[in-house]
Amino acid sequence: MTRFPDWPKRLDDAVESARWRPFRWGATDCALFAADVVKAITGEDLAAEWRGRYASAVQAERALRAHGGLVVLTNKVLGEPVNPERAMRGDVVLRCGEHGPSLGVCLGARCAFTGFDGLVFVPLKGCEQ
């Protein structure tokens, strides 16, 4: 994927627009947040086939299970993961938390992930890939 020449500003704008959005399955969940950022900085919508296809945790789980789970599906779409220490701004990252795996976006030393009341920022060192 090729990033737009002004991708740093697009990244900042995408993160800022999501900063206070509450979590909603099928609209502002972790996968769609990460895909929204990728779309903002590259123009490619990697989640186009998923948008509008689920609206609950049960529906999301069913859809993901049919494709091997979030990690397997993400690797199919984005390729094999890299060591998080090599992640760069704008890269999609994964972390496993108390609610299972979630996707976020690297912002440098920190990463943004969806939370129940908006974005949550965690150290890059807490990410698996």
Protein backbone atom coordinates (compact mmCIF):
# COMPACT_ATOMS: atom_id res chain seq x y z
CA MET A 1 0.00 0.00 0.00
CA THR A 2 1.21 3.43 -0.84
CA ARG A 3 0.60 6.24 1.58
CA PHE A 4 -0.52 9.68 0.48
CA PRO A 5 2.24 12.31 0.56
CA ASP A 6 0.44 14.09 3.43
CA TRP A 7 -0.22 10.87 5.36
CA PRO A 8 1.11 12.20 8.72
CA LYS A 9 -1.57 14.89 8.78
CA ARG A 10 -4.19 12.40 7.62
CA LEU A 11 -3.13 10.04 10.42
CA ASP A 12 -3.40 12.79 13.02
CA ASP A 13 -6.81 13.85 11.67
CA ALA A 14 -8.15 10.27 11.66
CA VAL A 15 -7.01 9.67 15.22
CA GLU A 16 -8.39 12.99 16.40
CA SER A 17 -11.78 12.37 14.77
CA ALA A 18 -12.02 9.03 16.59
CA ARG A 19 -10.68 10.28 19.93
CA TRP A 20 -14.05 10.61 21.73
CA ARG A 21 -16.24 8.26 19.67
CA PRO A 22 -17.81 5.58 21.87
CA PHE A 23 -17.29 1.93 20.96
CA ARG A 24 -19.98 0.40 18.73
CA TRP A 25 -19.73 -2.99 17.03
CA GLY A 26 -19.74 -2.62 13.26
CA ALA A 27 -19.10 1.12 13.38
CA THR A 28 -16.29 2.10 15.76
CA ASP A 29 -14.84 -1.21 16.90
CA CYS A 30 -11.11 -1.94 16.81
CA ALA A 31 -11.01 -3.48 13.33
CA LEU A 32 -12.96 -0.66 11.73
CA PHE A 33 -10.94 1.99 13.55
CA ALA A 34 -7.71 0.48 12.21
CA ALA A 35 -9.24 0.16 8.73
CA ASP A 36 -10.46 3.77 8.87
CA VAL A 37 -6.93 4.95 9.61
CA VAL A 38 -5.48 2.83 6.80
CA LYS A 39 -8.11 4.25 4.44
CA ALA A 40 -7.31 7.81 5.55
CA ILE A 41 -3.58 7.45 4.89
CA THR A 42 -3.70 5.22 1.78
CA GLY A 43 -7.17 5.54 0.27
CA GLU A 44 -7.66 1.75 0.47
CA ASP A 45 -10.64 0.44 2.43
CA LEU A 46 -9.48 -2.94 3.70
CA ALA A 47 -12.75 -3.43 5.59
CA ALA A 48 -15.18 -2.61 2.78
CA GLU A 49 -16.66 -6.11 2.75
CA TRP A 50 -17.20 -6.01 6.54
CA ARG A 51 -18.87 -2.62 6.90
CA GLY A 52 -22.54 -2.93 7.78
CA ARG A 53 -22.32 -6.72 8.15
CA TYR A 54 -22.46 -6.94 11.95
CA ALA A 55 -23.82 -4.90 14.84
CA SER A 56 -23.10 -6.96 17.96
CA ALA A 57 -20.31 -8.89 19.64
CA VAL A 58 -22.00 -12.18 18.74
CA GLN A 59 -22.28 -11.24 15.06
CA ALA A 60 -18.68 -10.01 14.97
CA GLU A 61 -17.45 -13.21 16.64
CA ARG A 62 -19.35 -15.37 14.12
CA ALA A 63 -17.93 -13.43 11.18
CA LEU A 64 -14.40 -13.58 12.55
CA ARG A 65 -14.62 -17.27 13.45
CA ALA A 66 -15.56 -18.06 9.85
CA HIS A 67 -12.19 -16.58 8.84
CA GLY A 68 -10.04 -18.07 11.59
CA GLY A 69 -10.33 -15.21 14.09
CA LEU A 70 -9.12 -11.63 14.23
CA VAL A 71 -5.41 -12.43 14.17
CA VAL A 72 -5.62 -14.86 11.24
CA LEU A 73 -7.86 -12.52 9.23
CA THR A 74 -5.62 -9.53 9.92
CA ASN A 75 -2.56 -11.47 8.77
CA LYS A 76 -4.40 -12.51 5.59
CA VAL A 77 -5.26 -8.90 4.80
CA LEU A 78 -2.05 -7.17 5.91
CA GLY A 79 0.52 -9.94 5.58
CA GLU A 80 2.71 -11.54 8.17
CA PRO A 81 3.18 -9.49 11.34
CA VAL A 82 6.41 -7.78 12.24
CA ASN A 83 8.03 -7.30 15.62
CA PRO A 84 6.28 -4.37 17.33
CA GLU A 85 9.64 -2.73 17.89
CA ARG A 86 9.77 -2.23 14.12
CA ALA A 87 6.28 -0.70 13.91
CA MET A 88 6.17 2.77 12.46
CA ARG A 89 3.61 5.56 12.70
CA GLY A 90 0.45 4.57 10.89
CA ASP A 91 1.07 0.82 11.08
CA VAL A 92 -1.70 -1.43 12.37
CA VAL A 93 -0.76 -3.12 15.64
CA LEU A 94 -2.25 -5.89 17.76
CA ARG A 95 -2.48 -6.34 21.48
CA CYS A 96 -4.18 -8.92 23.61
CA GLY A 97 -6.07 -7.48 26.54
CA GLU A 98 -8.66 -8.64 29.01
CA HIS A 99 -11.31 -8.66 26.26
CA GLY A 100 -9.17 -10.59 23.76
CA PRO A 101 -7.13 -9.36 20.81
CA SER A 102 -7.70 -5.89 19.43
CA LEU A 103 -6.30 -3.83 16.59
CA GLY A 104 -4.93 -0.36 16.95
CA VAL A 105 -2.62 2.06 15.21
CA CYS A 106 0.98 2.92 16.01
CA LEU A 107 1.55 6.62 16.71
CA GLY A 108 5.22 6.29 17.58
CA ALA A 109 6.00 5.29 21.16
CA ARG A 110 2.27 4.98 21.84
CA CYS A 111 -0.58 3.26 20.04
CA ALA A 112 -4.26 4.16 19.81
CA PHE A 113 -6.94 1.54 20.43
CA THR A 114 -10.69 1.83 20.70
CA GLY A 115 -12.12 1.97 24.19
CA PHE A 116 -15.66 2.10 25.46
CA ASP A 117 -15.69 5.92 25.60
CA GLY A 118 -13.19 6.78 22.90
CA LEU A 119 -9.59 6.02 22.14
CA VAL A 120 -7.18 4.54 24.65
CA PHE A 121 -3.45 5.16 24.29
CA VAL A 122 -1.00 2.47 25.35
CA PRO A 123 2.77 2.09 25.02
CA LEU A 124 3.96 0.35 21.87
CA LYS A 125 5.85 -2.07 24.13
CA GLY A 126 2.47 -3.52 25.19
CA CYS A 127 1.70 -4.69 21.65
CA GLU A 128 2.37 -8.17 20.27
CA GLN A 129 2.63 -7.38 16.55
